[in-house]
Amino acid sequence: MKYYLSSYKFGNRVDKLIEMLPQGAKVGHINNSKDWTTANPKIRNNHLKEEMEFINSLGFISEHLDLKKYFGEENKLRNKIASLDGIWICGGNTFVLRQAMKLSGFDNIFTELQKRADFFYGGYSAGVCILSDSLKYIEFVDDPNDFPYKEIKETIWEGLNLFDYGILPHYDSDHPESEEIEKEVKRCIDNKWLFKTMRDGEVFIIE
């Protein structure tokens, strides 16, 4: 699988992003990190629309891939993702995103997708933090006790385990969460946890 991992939005390597997928590629946009209980639906939908329009402007075909529609329907989601060339996962609450991934079976499907050299995984903030072995690194940035889905009422601490360290976005950046990220960096150092920081605009690319 190919990865385009940005600290915030699409970052400063959009030129590379265009090269990572063929023109006309189908990209599923996963917005479930913005399902937190106090989210403003209008703002959430506006962000979704803006990002999908941007993806389309790059020559790709985006569609909203709402994991809520696949809760308890893992095979249905697996078949849907098989029809796509890639996914884009936006920022928000990483713990909420993890719940949606668990309930839909996305976490199991992700393990299978890693074997596909042609599949694209792009995202920012929560969409990147979710790839760590644990969500402990961002416990005081995202609320781990927000449960918007009735099926889950306990925090899931395990990430998707692509990385055995934490990724801390928005570091030393003009972002509302930058101050809290600084505190998380100190906590990682104090606990001797491995981590990497990302400044807004920065992108990690894995091919």
C-alpha atoms as a PDB file:
ATOM      1  CA  MET A   1       0.000   0.000   0.000  1.00  0.00           C
ATOM      2  CA  LYS A   2       1.109   3.544  -0.756  1.00  0.00           C
ATOM      3  CA  TYR A   3       0.752   6.197   1.958  1.00  0.00           C
ATOM      4  CA  TYR A   4       0.411   9.974   1.761  1.00  0.00           C
ATOM      5  CA  LEU A   5       0.361  11.140   5.381  1.00  0.00           C
ATOM      6  CA  SER A   6      -0.124  14.830   6.074  1.00  0.00           C
ATOM      7  CA  SER A   7      -0.139  16.800   9.301  1.00  0.00           C
ATOM      8  CA  TYR A   8      -2.979  19.054   8.134  1.00  0.00           C
ATOM      9  CA  LYS A   9      -5.269  18.875   5.120  1.00  0.00           C
ATOM     10  CA  PHE A  10      -3.408  17.966   1.911  1.00  0.00           C
ATOM     11  CA  GLY A  11      -0.010  19.346   2.910  1.00  0.00           C
ATOM     12  CA  ASN A  12       2.721  20.721   0.671  1.00  0.00           C
ATOM     13  CA  ARG A  13       3.321  17.689  -1.569  1.00  0.00           C
ATOM     14  CA  VAL A  14       0.174  17.738  -3.677  1.00  0.00           C
ATOM     15  CA  ASP A  15       2.360  17.386  -6.755  1.00  0.00           C
ATOM     16  CA  LYS A  16       3.503  14.020  -5.427  1.00  0.00           C
ATOM     17  CA  LEU A  17      -0.050  13.059  -4.478  1.00  0.00           C
ATOM     18  CA  ILE A  18      -1.115  13.505  -8.104  1.00  0.00           C
ATOM     19  CA  GLU A  19       1.632  11.083  -9.168  1.00  0.00           C
ATOM     20  CA  MET A  20       0.598   8.400  -6.676  1.00  0.00           C
ATOM     21  CA  LEU A  21      -2.747   7.645  -8.317  1.00  0.00           C
ATOM     22  CA  PRO A  22      -3.810   7.396 -11.960  1.00  0.00           C
ATOM     23  CA  GLN A  23      -6.144  10.056 -13.281  1.00  0.00           C
ATOM     24  CA  GLY A  24      -9.752   9.009 -12.776  1.00  0.00           C
ATOM     25  CA  ALA A  25      -8.874   6.901  -9.721  1.00  0.00           C
ATOM     26  CA  LYS A  26     -11.747   6.323  -7.308  1.00  0.00           C
ATOM     27  CA  VAL A  27     -11.077   7.578  -3.783  1.00  0.00           C
ATOM     28  CA  GLY A  28     -13.355   6.911  -0.822  1.00  0.00           C
ATOM     29  CA  HIS A  29     -13.437   9.827   1.627  1.00  0.00           C
ATOM     30  CA  ILE A  30     -13.844   8.671   5.244  1.00  0.00           C
ATOM     31  CA  ASN A  31     -15.137  11.474   7.458  1.00  0.00           C
ATOM     32  CA  ASN A  32     -16.025   9.538  10.624  1.00  0.00           C
ATOM     33  CA  SER A  33     -13.383  11.226  12.773  1.00  0.00           C
ATOM     34  CA  LYS A  34     -15.786  14.185  12.754  1.00  0.00           C
ATOM     35  CA  ASP A  35     -18.653  12.171  14.287  1.00  0.00           C
ATOM     36  CA  TRP A  36     -17.917  13.329  17.820  1.00  0.00           C
ATOM     37  CA  THR A  37     -21.035  14.000  19.869  1.00  0.00           C
ATOM     38  CA  THR A  38     -20.899  17.801  19.857  1.00  0.00           C
ATOM     39  CA  ALA A  39     -19.873  18.200  16.208  1.00  0.00           C
ATOM     40  CA  ASN A  40     -21.735  20.781  14.161  1.00  0.00           C
ATOM     41  CA  PRO A  41     -23.335  18.850  11.268  1.00  0.00           C
ATOM     42  CA  LYS A  42     -23.243  21.852   8.945  1.00  0.00           C
ATOM     43  CA  ILE A  43     -19.533  22.486   9.503  1.00  0.00           C
ATOM     44  CA  ARG A  44     -18.802  18.764   9.211  1.00  0.00           C
ATOM     45  CA  ASN A  45     -20.619  18.534   5.880  1.00  0.00           C
ATOM     46  CA  ASN A  46     -18.932  21.681   4.577  1.00  0.00           C
ATOM     47  CA  HIS A  47     -15.501  20.228   5.353  1.00  0.00           C
ATOM     48  CA  LEU A  48     -16.462  16.986   3.645  1.00  0.00           C
ATOM     49  CA  LYS A  49     -17.661  18.822   0.551  1.00  0.00           C
ATOM     50  CA  GLU A  50     -14.538  20.994   0.361  1.00  0.00           C
ATOM     51  CA  GLU A  51     -12.162  18.045   0.625  1.00  0.00           C
ATOM     52  CA  MET A  52     -14.049  15.927  -1.884  1.00  0.00           C
ATOM     53  CA  GLU A  53     -14.095  18.835  -4.345  1.00  0.00           C
ATOM     54  CA  PHE A  54     -10.345  19.260  -3.895  1.00  0.00           C
ATOM     55  CA  ILE A  55      -9.733  15.571  -4.547  1.00  0.00           C
ATOM     56  CA  ASN A  56     -11.846  15.846  -7.694  1.00  0.00           C
ATOM     57  CA  SER A  57      -9.854  18.906  -8.789  1.00  0.00           C
ATOM     58  CA  LEU A  58      -6.724  16.733  -8.840  1.00  0.00           C
ATOM     59  CA  GLY A  59      -8.284  14.519 -11.483  1.00  0.00           C
ATOM     60  CA  PHE A  60      -9.625  11.814  -9.191  1.00  0.00           C
ATOM     61  CA  ILE A  61     -13.196  10.742  -8.447  1.00  0.00           C
ATOM     62  CA  SER A  62     -14.126  11.051  -4.782  1.00  0.00           C
ATOM     63  CA  GLU A  63     -17.108   9.596  -2.985  1.00  0.00           C
ATOM     64  CA  HIS A  64     -18.202   9.709   0.625  1.00  0.00           C
ATOM     65  CA  LEU A  65     -17.411   6.418   2.346  1.00  0.00           C
ATOM     66  CA  ASP A  66     -19.382   6.617   5.608  1.00  0.00           C
ATOM     67  CA  LEU A  67     -18.326   3.746   7.868  1.00  0.00           C
ATOM     68  CA  LYS A  68     -21.582   4.051   9.840  1.00  0.00           C
ATOM     69  CA  LYS A  69     -23.391   2.495   6.884  1.00  0.00           C
ATOM     70  CA  TYR A  70     -21.258  -0.622   7.292  1.00  0.00           C
ATOM     71  CA  PHE A  71     -21.534  -1.262  11.031  1.00  0.00           C
ATOM     72  CA  GLY A  72     -21.864  -5.033  11.372  1.00  0.00           C
ATOM     73  CA  GLU A  73     -21.387  -5.390   7.598  1.00  0.00           C
ATOM     74  CA  GLU A  74     -17.668  -6.094   7.257  1.00  0.00           C
ATOM     75  CA  ASN A  75     -17.928  -8.106   4.034  1.00  0.00           C
ATOM     76  CA  LYS A  76     -20.072  -5.414   2.466  1.00  0.00           C
ATOM     77  CA  LEU A  77     -17.419  -2.822   3.332  1.00  0.00           C
ATOM     78  CA  ARG A  78     -14.675  -5.135   2.061  1.00  0.00           C
ATOM     79  CA  ASN A  79     -16.436  -5.409  -1.303  1.00  0.00           C
ATOM     80  CA  LYS A  80     -16.933  -1.647  -1.444  1.00  0.00           C
ATOM     81  CA  ILE A  81     -13.295  -0.882  -0.728  1.00  0.00           C
ATOM     82  CA  ALA A  82     -12.265  -3.471  -3.325  1.00  0.00           C
ATOM     83  CA  SER A  83     -13.997  -1.286  -5.923  1.00  0.00           C
ATOM     84  CA  LEU A  84     -11.847   1.724  -4.972  1.00  0.00           C
ATOM     85  CA  ASP A  85      -8.283   2.706  -5.816  1.00  0.00           C
ATOM     86  CA  GLY A  86      -7.712   4.403  -2.489  1.00  0.00           C
ATOM     87  CA  ILE A  87      -9.111   6.151   0.564  1.00  0.00           C
ATOM     88  CA  TRP A  88      -8.674   9.537   2.196  1.00  0.00           C
ATOM     89  CA  ILE A  89      -9.205   9.847   5.960  1.00  0.00           C
ATOM     90  CA  CYS A  90      -9.674  13.320   7.381  1.00  0.00           C
ATOM     91  CA  GLY A  91      -8.768  14.796  10.759  1.00  0.00           C
ATOM     92  CA  GLY A  92     -10.952  14.966  13.829  1.00  0.00           C
ATOM     93  CA  ASN A  93     -11.220  12.768  16.909  1.00  0.00           C
ATOM     94  CA  THR A  94      -8.948   9.735  16.492  1.00  0.00           C
ATOM     95  CA  PHE A  95     -10.751   7.757  19.198  1.00  0.00           C
ATOM     96  CA  VAL A  96     -14.107   8.218  17.459  1.00  0.00           C
ATOM     97  CA  LEU A  97     -12.546   7.201  14.147  1.00  0.00           C
ATOM     98  CA  ARG A  98     -11.177   4.072  15.817  1.00  0.00           C
ATOM     99  CA  GLN A  99     -14.654   3.159  17.080  1.00  0.00           C
ATOM    100  CA  ALA A 100     -16.097   3.478  13.572  1.00  0.00           C
ATOM    101  CA  MET A 101     -13.294   1.326  12.190  1.00  0.00           C
ATOM    102  CA  LYS A 102     -13.955  -1.359  14.786  1.00  0.00           C
ATOM    103  CA  LEU A 103     -17.725  -1.442  14.274  1.00  0.00           C
ATOM    104  CA  SER A 104     -17.425  -1.616  10.476  1.00  0.00           C
ATOM    105  CA  GLY A 105     -14.576  -4.118  10.390  1.00  0.00           C
ATOM    106  CA  PHE A 106     -12.303  -1.622   8.675  1.00  0.00           C
ATOM    107  CA  ASP A 107      -9.487  -2.530  11.064  1.00  0.00           C
ATOM    108  CA  ASN A 108      -9.541  -6.110   9.763  1.00  0.00           C
ATOM    109  CA  ILE A 109      -9.784  -4.968   6.155  1.00  0.00           C
ATOM    110  CA  PHE A 110      -6.827  -2.610   6.662  1.00  0.00           C
ATOM    111  CA  THR A 111      -4.591  -5.581   7.465  1.00  0.00           C
ATOM    112  CA  GLU A 112      -5.569  -7.123   4.128  1.00  0.00           C
ATOM    113  CA  LEU A 113      -5.089  -3.846   2.225  1.00  0.00           C
ATOM    114  CA  GLN A 114      -1.468  -3.645   3.324  1.00  0.00           C
ATOM    115  CA  LYS A 115      -0.757  -6.527   0.929  1.00  0.00           C
ATOM    116  CA  ARG A 116      -2.021  -4.488  -2.052  1.00  0.00           C
ATOM    117  CA  ALA A 117       0.884  -2.600  -3.608  1.00  0.00           C
ATOM    118  CA  ASP A 118      -1.491  -0.599  -5.807  1.00  0.00           C
ATOM    119  CA  PHE A 119      -3.830   0.679  -3.070  1.00  0.00           C
ATOM    120  CA  PHE A 120      -3.557   4.264  -1.796  1.00  0.00           C
ATOM    121  CA  TYR A 121      -4.017   5.442   1.795  1.00  0.00           C
ATOM    122  CA  GLY A 122      -4.081   9.186   2.311  1.00  0.00           C
ATOM    123  CA  GLY A 123      -5.093  11.315   5.233  1.00  0.00           C
ATOM    124  CA  TYR A 124      -4.166  13.866   7.836  1.00  0.00           C
ATOM    125  CA  SER A 125      -4.180  14.356  11.602  1.00  0.00           C
ATOM    126  CA  ALA A 126      -6.508  11.643  12.987  1.00  0.00           C
ATOM    127  CA  GLY A 127      -6.102   9.751   9.716  1.00  0.00           C
ATOM    128  CA  VAL A 128      -2.384   9.540  10.486  1.00  0.00           C
ATOM    129  CA  CYS A 129      -2.500   9.123  14.288  1.00  0.00           C
ATOM    130  CA  ILE A 130      -4.723   6.051  13.841  1.00  0.00           C
ATOM    131  CA  LEU A 131      -1.810   4.222  12.190  1.00  0.00           C
ATOM    132  CA  SER A 132       0.225   4.046  15.416  1.00  0.00           C
ATOM    133  CA  ASP A 133       0.342   1.011  17.679  1.00  0.00           C
ATOM    134  CA  SER A 134      -1.585   2.894  20.365  1.00  0.00           C
ATOM    135  CA  LEU A 135      -3.666   6.032  20.777  1.00  0.00           C
ATOM    136  CA  LYS A 136      -2.080   6.771  24.167  1.00  0.00           C
ATOM    137  CA  TYR A 137       0.149   9.387  22.545  1.00  0.00           C
ATOM    138  CA  ILE A 138      -2.791  11.739  21.920  1.00  0.00           C
ATOM    139  CA  GLU A 139      -4.864  11.070  25.045  1.00  0.00           C
ATOM    140  CA  PHE A 140      -4.964  14.743  26.000  1.00  0.00           C
ATOM    141  CA  VAL A 141      -5.453  16.136  22.501  1.00  0.00           C
ATOM    142  CA  ASP A 142      -8.475  14.064  21.424  1.00  0.00           C
ATOM    143  CA  ASP A 143     -11.178  13.061  23.897  1.00  0.00           C
ATOM    144  CA  PRO A 144     -10.924   9.283  24.495  1.00  0.00           C
ATOM    145  CA  ASN A 145     -14.287   9.235  26.290  1.00  0.00           C
ATOM    146  CA  ASP A 146     -16.521  10.509  23.496  1.00  0.00           C
ATOM    147  CA  PHE A 147     -18.886   7.726  22.424  1.00  0.00           C
ATOM    148  CA  PRO A 148     -21.191   8.822  19.572  1.00  0.00           C
ATOM    149  CA  TYR A 149     -22.123   5.247  18.608  1.00  0.00           C
ATOM    150  CA  LYS A 150     -24.453   3.272  20.863  1.00  0.00           C
ATOM    151  CA  GLU A 151     -22.565   0.028  20.157  1.00  0.00           C
ATOM    152  CA  ILE A 152     -19.379   1.110  21.977  1.00  0.00           C
ATOM    153  CA  LYS A 153     -18.994   2.644  25.430  1.00  0.00           C
ATOM    154  CA  GLU A 154     -15.365   1.773  26.207  1.00  0.00           C
ATOM    155  CA  THR A 155     -12.244   3.463  24.877  1.00  0.00           C
ATOM    156  CA  ILE A 156     -10.276   1.561  22.239  1.00  0.00           C
ATOM    157  CA  TRP A 157      -6.599   2.270  22.811  1.00  0.00           C
ATOM    158  CA  GLU A 158      -5.130   0.072  20.074  1.00  0.00           C
ATOM    159  CA  GLY A 159      -4.299   1.773  16.804  1.00  0.00           C
ATOM    160  CA  LEU A 160      -3.977   0.073  13.425  1.00  0.00           C
ATOM    161  CA  ASN A 161      -0.379  -0.827  14.302  1.00  0.00           C
ATOM    162  CA  LEU A 162       1.315   0.173  11.063  1.00  0.00           C
ATOM    163  CA  PHE A 163       3.878   2.052  13.176  1.00  0.00           C
ATOM    164  CA  ASP A 164       5.284   1.004  16.535  1.00  0.00           C
ATOM    165  CA  TYR A 165       5.524   4.631  17.635  1.00  0.00           C
ATOM    166  CA  GLY A 166       3.280   7.667  17.938  1.00  0.00           C
ATOM    167  CA  ILE A 167       2.850  10.373  15.312  1.00  0.00           C
ATOM    168  CA  LEU A 168       2.093  13.833  16.668  1.00  0.00           C
ATOM    169  CA  PRO A 169       0.749  16.255  14.011  1.00  0.00           C
ATOM    170  CA  HIS A 170       0.420  20.049  14.258  1.00  0.00           C
ATOM    171  CA  TYR A 171       3.743  20.302  16.112  1.00  0.00           C
ATOM    172  CA  ASP A 172       5.133  23.848  16.323  1.00  0.00           C
ATOM    173  CA  SER A 173       2.413  25.037  13.941  1.00  0.00           C
ATOM    174  CA  ASP A 174      -0.261  27.703  13.742  1.00  0.00           C
ATOM    175  CA  HIS A 175      -2.980  25.259  14.779  1.00  0.00           C
ATOM    176  CA  PRO A 176      -5.396  25.246  17.761  1.00  0.00           C
ATOM    177  CA  GLU A 177      -4.011  21.897  18.946  1.00  0.00           C
ATOM    178  CA  SER A 178      -0.314  22.817  18.730  1.00  0.00           C
ATOM    179  CA  GLU A 179      -0.064  23.739  22.405  1.00  0.00           C
ATOM    180  CA  GLU A 180      -1.568  20.417  23.484  1.00  0.00           C
ATOM    181  CA  ILE A 181       0.726  18.574  21.093  1.00  0.00           C
ATOM    182  CA  GLU A 182       3.703  20.208  22.818  1.00  0.00           C
ATOM    183  CA  LYS A 183       2.461  18.701  26.092  1.00  0.00           C
ATOM    184  CA  GLU A 184       2.096  15.292  24.465  1.00  0.00           C
ATOM    185  CA  VAL A 185       5.677  15.516  23.190  1.00  0.00           C
ATOM    186  CA  LYS A 186       6.857  16.120  26.747  1.00  0.00           C
ATOM    187  CA  ARG A 187       4.738  13.216  28.002  1.00  0.00           C
ATOM    188  CA  CYS A 188       6.254  10.910  25.382  1.00  0.00           C
ATOM    189  CA  ILE A 189       9.760  11.981  26.396  1.00  0.00           C
ATOM    190  CA  ASP A 190       9.001  11.550  30.102  1.00  0.00           C
ATOM    191  CA  ASN A 191       7.614   8.049  29.472  1.00  0.00           C
ATOM    192  CA  LYS A 192      10.355   7.121  26.980  1.00  0.00           C
ATOM    193  CA  TRP A 193       7.771   6.442  24.270  1.00  0.00           C
ATOM    194  CA  LEU A 194       8.950   6.513  20.667  1.00  0.00           C
ATOM    195  CA  PHE A 195       7.330   9.228  18.556  1.00  0.00           C
ATOM    196  CA  LYS A 196       7.675  11.449  15.518  1.00  0.00           C
ATOM    197  CA  THR A 197       6.357  14.983  15.163  1.00  0.00           C
ATOM    198  CA  MET A 198       4.871  16.602  12.073  1.00  0.00           C
ATOM    199  CA  ARG A 199       4.533  20.292  11.343  1.00  0.00           C
ATOM    200  CA  ASP A 200       1.521  21.479   9.350  1.00  0.00           C
ATOM    201  CA  GLY A 201       2.411  21.366   5.669  1.00  0.00           C
ATOM    202  CA  GLU A 202       4.723  18.402   6.227  1.00  0.00           C
ATOM    203  CA  VAL A 203       3.929  15.089   4.525  1.00  0.00           C
ATOM    204  CA  PHE A 204       5.285  11.578   5.057  1.00  0.00           C
ATOM    205  CA  ILE A 205       5.250   9.505   1.859  1.00  0.00           C
ATOM    206  CA  ILE A 206       5.681   5.744   1.820  1.00  0.00           C
ATOM    207  CA  GLU A 207       5.707   3.823  -1.454  1.00  0.00           C
END
